[in-house]
N, C-alpha and C. Protein backbone atom coordinates (compact mmCIF):
# COMPACT_ATOMS: atom_id res chain seq x y z
N MET A 1 0.86 -1.18 0.00
CA MET A 1 0.00 0.00 0.00
C MET A 1 0.90 1.24 0.00
N ASP A 2 0.52 2.23 -0.76
CA ASP A 2 1.29 3.46 -0.84
C ASP A 2 0.46 4.59 -0.24
N LEU A 3 0.70 4.85 1.04
CA LEU A 3 -0.05 5.88 1.75
C LEU A 3 0.56 7.25 1.56
N ASP A 4 -0.26 8.26 1.60
CA ASP A 4 0.21 9.64 1.63
C ASP A 4 0.28 10.04 3.11
N ILE A 5 1.46 9.88 3.69
CA ILE A 5 1.65 10.15 5.12
C ILE A 5 2.16 11.57 5.28
N GLN A 6 1.48 12.32 6.12
CA GLN A 6 1.84 13.70 6.40
C GLN A 6 2.40 13.79 7.82
N HIS A 7 3.37 14.66 8.00
CA HIS A 7 3.90 14.91 9.34
C HIS A 7 3.28 16.21 9.84
N ASP A 8 2.40 16.10 10.79
CA ASP A 8 1.72 17.25 11.40
C ASP A 8 2.51 17.63 12.65
N MET A 9 3.56 18.44 12.46
CA MET A 9 4.44 18.81 13.58
C MET A 9 3.72 19.62 14.64
N GLU A 10 2.76 20.41 14.24
CA GLU A 10 2.03 21.25 15.20
C GLU A 10 1.32 20.40 16.25
N HIS A 11 0.85 19.22 15.82
CA HIS A 11 0.11 18.33 16.72
C HIS A 11 0.89 17.06 17.08
N ASN A 12 2.19 17.04 16.75
CA ASN A 12 3.06 15.90 17.09
C ASN A 12 2.47 14.57 16.64
N ARG A 13 2.26 14.46 15.33
CA ARG A 13 1.71 13.21 14.82
C ARG A 13 2.04 13.03 13.35
N PHE A 14 2.05 11.78 12.95
CA PHE A 14 2.11 11.40 11.55
C PHE A 14 0.71 10.90 11.22
N VAL A 15 0.18 11.31 10.08
CA VAL A 15 -1.21 10.97 9.77
C VAL A 15 -1.37 10.62 8.30
N ALA A 16 -2.24 9.64 8.05
CA ALA A 16 -2.59 9.24 6.70
C ALA A 16 -4.11 9.07 6.63
N GLU A 17 -4.70 9.62 5.62
CA GLU A 17 -6.14 9.46 5.41
C GLU A 17 -6.40 8.11 4.74
N THR A 18 -7.35 7.37 5.28
CA THR A 18 -7.80 6.13 4.64
C THR A 18 -9.26 6.34 4.26
N GLU A 19 -9.83 5.40 3.58
CA GLU A 19 -11.24 5.57 3.21
C GLU A 19 -12.17 5.50 4.42
N HIS A 20 -11.63 5.03 5.56
CA HIS A 20 -12.44 4.91 6.77
C HIS A 20 -12.07 5.91 7.87
N GLY A 21 -11.16 6.83 7.58
CA GLY A 21 -10.76 7.82 8.57
C GLY A 21 -9.25 8.00 8.62
N GLU A 22 -8.77 8.56 9.72
CA GLU A 22 -7.35 8.83 9.86
C GLU A 22 -6.62 7.69 10.55
N ALA A 23 -5.45 7.36 10.02
CA ALA A 23 -4.50 6.50 10.69
C ALA A 23 -3.46 7.44 11.28
N VAL A 24 -3.15 7.29 12.56
CA VAL A 24 -2.32 8.28 13.25
C VAL A 24 -1.28 7.60 14.14
N LEU A 25 -0.06 8.13 14.09
CA LEU A 25 0.97 7.79 15.06
C LEU A 25 1.28 9.07 15.80
N ARG A 26 1.04 9.06 17.12
CA ARG A 26 1.25 10.25 17.96
C ARG A 26 2.57 10.12 18.72
N TYR A 27 3.21 11.27 18.90
CA TYR A 27 4.47 11.28 19.64
C TYR A 27 4.58 12.53 20.49
N SER A 28 5.55 12.52 21.38
CA SER A 28 5.91 13.72 22.14
C SER A 28 7.43 13.82 22.12
N ARG A 29 7.92 14.99 22.47
CA ARG A 29 9.37 15.18 22.57
C ARG A 29 9.82 14.82 23.98
N ALA A 30 10.72 13.87 24.08
CA ALA A 30 11.28 13.51 25.38
C ALA A 30 12.37 14.52 25.77
N ASP A 31 13.12 14.97 24.77
CA ASP A 31 14.10 16.04 24.94
C ASP A 31 14.43 16.58 23.55
N ALA A 32 15.44 17.40 23.43
CA ALA A 32 15.73 18.06 22.16
C ALA A 32 16.08 17.09 21.03
N ASP A 33 16.62 15.92 21.39
CA ASP A 33 17.07 14.96 20.39
C ASP A 33 16.29 13.65 20.37
N THR A 34 15.23 13.55 21.18
CA THR A 34 14.54 12.28 21.34
C THR A 34 13.03 12.45 21.23
N LEU A 35 12.41 11.57 20.45
CA LEU A 35 10.96 11.55 20.31
C LEU A 35 10.43 10.28 20.97
N ASP A 36 9.30 10.39 21.64
CA ASP A 36 8.64 9.23 22.25
C ASP A 36 7.40 8.91 21.41
N TYR A 37 7.46 7.80 20.68
CA TYR A 37 6.32 7.36 19.86
C TYR A 37 5.33 6.68 20.80
N LYS A 38 4.24 7.37 21.07
CA LYS A 38 3.31 7.00 22.14
C LYS A 38 2.19 6.05 21.72
N SER A 39 1.58 6.29 20.55
CA SER A 39 0.44 5.45 20.16
C SER A 39 0.26 5.44 18.65
N THR A 40 -0.29 4.34 18.18
CA THR A 40 -0.63 4.19 16.77
C THR A 40 -2.09 3.75 16.71
N LEU A 41 -2.87 4.44 15.90
CA LEU A 41 -4.29 4.11 15.77
C LEU A 41 -4.65 4.04 14.29
N VAL A 42 -5.27 2.93 13.90
CA VAL A 42 -5.74 2.72 12.54
C VAL A 42 -7.23 2.39 12.64
N PRO A 43 -8.07 2.98 11.77
CA PRO A 43 -9.50 2.64 11.82
C PRO A 43 -9.70 1.13 11.75
N PRO A 44 -10.63 0.59 12.53
CA PRO A 44 -10.84 -0.86 12.57
C PRO A 44 -11.01 -1.50 11.19
N GLU A 45 -11.67 -0.82 10.28
CA GLU A 45 -11.91 -1.39 8.95
C GLU A 45 -10.63 -1.50 8.12
N ASP A 46 -9.60 -0.77 8.52
CA ASP A 46 -8.34 -0.76 7.77
C ASP A 46 -7.24 -1.59 8.43
N ARG A 47 -7.53 -2.19 9.56
CA ARG A 47 -6.53 -3.02 10.23
C ARG A 47 -6.27 -4.26 9.40
N GLU A 48 -5.12 -4.82 9.56
CA GLU A 48 -4.67 -6.00 8.81
C GLU A 48 -4.36 -5.67 7.35
N GLU A 49 -4.24 -4.37 7.03
CA GLU A 49 -3.90 -3.93 5.67
C GLU A 49 -2.47 -3.43 5.58
N GLY A 50 -1.75 -3.44 6.68
CA GLY A 50 -0.36 -2.98 6.69
C GLY A 50 -0.21 -1.48 6.87
N ILE A 51 -1.32 -0.80 7.14
CA ILE A 51 -1.28 0.67 7.27
C ILE A 51 -0.49 1.09 8.51
N GLY A 52 -0.72 0.45 9.63
CA GLY A 52 0.00 0.78 10.85
C GLY A 52 1.50 0.57 10.69
N GLU A 53 1.88 -0.53 10.06
CA GLU A 53 3.29 -0.80 9.85
C GLU A 53 3.92 0.25 8.94
N GLU A 54 3.25 0.61 7.86
CA GLU A 54 3.78 1.64 6.96
C GLU A 54 3.92 2.98 7.67
N LEU A 55 2.94 3.31 8.49
CA LEU A 55 2.98 4.56 9.26
C LEU A 55 4.16 4.55 10.23
N ALA A 56 4.34 3.45 10.96
CA ALA A 56 5.44 3.35 11.92
C ALA A 56 6.80 3.40 11.21
N LEU A 57 6.94 2.68 10.11
CA LEU A 57 8.21 2.69 9.39
C LEU A 57 8.53 4.08 8.85
N HIS A 58 7.51 4.77 8.36
CA HIS A 58 7.71 6.14 7.88
C HIS A 58 8.19 7.04 9.01
N ALA A 59 7.55 6.94 10.17
CA ALA A 59 7.92 7.77 11.31
C ALA A 59 9.34 7.45 11.80
N LEU A 60 9.71 6.19 11.80
CA LEU A 60 11.06 5.79 12.20
C LEU A 60 12.10 6.31 11.20
N GLU A 61 11.78 6.20 9.93
CA GLU A 61 12.69 6.71 8.90
C GLU A 61 12.85 8.22 9.02
N TRP A 62 11.74 8.92 9.26
CA TRP A 62 11.80 10.38 9.41
C TRP A 62 12.72 10.75 10.59
N ALA A 63 12.57 10.04 11.70
CA ALA A 63 13.40 10.32 12.87
C ALA A 63 14.88 10.12 12.54
N GLU A 64 15.18 9.03 11.87
CA GLU A 64 16.57 8.75 11.52
C GLU A 64 17.13 9.82 10.57
N GLU A 65 16.37 10.20 9.57
CA GLU A 65 16.81 11.20 8.60
C GLU A 65 17.02 12.57 9.23
N ASN A 66 16.32 12.82 10.35
CA ASN A 66 16.40 14.12 11.01
C ASN A 66 17.18 14.08 12.32
N ASP A 67 17.98 13.04 12.48
CA ASP A 67 18.90 12.89 13.62
C ASP A 67 18.21 12.88 14.98
N PHE A 68 17.04 12.23 15.05
CA PHE A 68 16.37 12.03 16.33
C PHE A 68 16.55 10.58 16.77
N GLN A 69 16.55 10.37 18.07
CA GLN A 69 16.46 9.04 18.66
C GLN A 69 14.98 8.83 19.00
N VAL A 70 14.58 7.57 19.14
CA VAL A 70 13.17 7.25 19.39
C VAL A 70 13.04 6.36 20.62
N ILE A 71 12.06 6.69 21.45
CA ILE A 71 11.59 5.82 22.52
C ILE A 71 10.29 5.23 22.01
N ALA A 72 10.15 3.93 22.06
CA ALA A 72 8.94 3.27 21.55
C ALA A 72 8.03 2.90 22.72
N SER A 73 7.27 3.88 23.22
CA SER A 73 6.29 3.59 24.27
C SER A 73 5.10 2.82 23.70
N CYS A 74 4.83 3.01 22.44
CA CYS A 74 3.71 2.34 21.77
C CYS A 74 4.06 0.87 21.52
N PRO A 75 3.26 -0.06 22.02
CA PRO A 75 3.52 -1.49 21.81
C PRO A 75 3.58 -1.87 20.33
N PHE A 76 2.77 -1.21 19.51
CA PHE A 76 2.79 -1.55 18.09
C PHE A 76 4.11 -1.12 17.45
N VAL A 77 4.62 0.05 17.80
CA VAL A 77 5.92 0.49 17.28
C VAL A 77 7.01 -0.49 17.73
N LYS A 78 6.93 -0.96 18.97
CA LYS A 78 7.89 -1.96 19.45
C LYS A 78 7.82 -3.22 18.59
N HIS A 79 6.61 -3.65 18.26
CA HIS A 79 6.42 -4.82 17.41
C HIS A 79 7.04 -4.61 16.03
N VAL A 80 6.81 -3.44 15.44
CA VAL A 80 7.37 -3.14 14.12
C VAL A 80 8.90 -3.17 14.18
N LEU A 81 9.46 -2.64 15.25
CA LEU A 81 10.91 -2.67 15.41
C LEU A 81 11.45 -4.09 15.52
N GLU A 82 10.71 -4.97 16.17
CA GLU A 82 11.11 -6.38 16.25
C GLU A 82 11.09 -7.03 14.88
N GLU A 83 10.12 -6.64 14.06
CA GLU A 83 9.98 -7.19 12.71
C GLU A 83 10.98 -6.58 11.72
N HIS A 84 11.51 -5.41 12.05
CA HIS A 84 12.44 -4.70 11.18
C HIS A 84 13.68 -4.26 11.97
N PRO A 85 14.54 -5.22 12.32
CA PRO A 85 15.70 -4.89 13.16
C PRO A 85 16.63 -3.85 12.54
N GLU A 86 16.58 -3.69 11.22
CA GLU A 86 17.43 -2.68 10.58
C GLU A 86 17.04 -1.27 11.00
N ARG A 87 15.86 -1.07 11.55
CA ARG A 87 15.41 0.24 12.01
C ARG A 87 15.76 0.50 13.47
N GLN A 88 16.30 -0.48 14.18
CA GLN A 88 16.57 -0.34 15.60
C GLN A 88 17.71 0.62 15.91
N THR A 89 18.46 1.04 14.90
CA THR A 89 19.57 1.97 15.12
C THR A 89 19.07 3.33 15.59
N VAL A 90 17.81 3.61 15.37
CA VAL A 90 17.23 4.90 15.76
C VAL A 90 16.76 4.91 17.23
N MET A 91 16.80 3.75 17.87
CA MET A 91 16.31 3.64 19.24
C MET A 91 17.22 4.36 20.24
N ALA A 92 16.59 5.06 21.17
CA ALA A 92 17.32 5.75 22.24
C ALA A 92 17.87 4.71 23.22
N GLY A 93 19.05 4.99 23.74
CA GLY A 93 19.64 4.11 24.76
C GLY A 93 20.24 2.93 24.14
């Protein structure tokens, strides 16, 4: 799936419109160099379509490209990191 993922910095989230609503990954700043990925939400009708994984991978890639470290408070982001160990270099600590 090729989502149009937008980074809404004003509201600390990555968001993609689906036909059933917004898929969102929310974060907060832990400090100047670290983001805490707090939650991922995908409309129920769009689950099992890979949308959450694409959203998480996009957010992890963005953090890496912009020299941020990531704390994965969100269990789904932790799961994606387990499935994609090549992205673990962005993890804080």
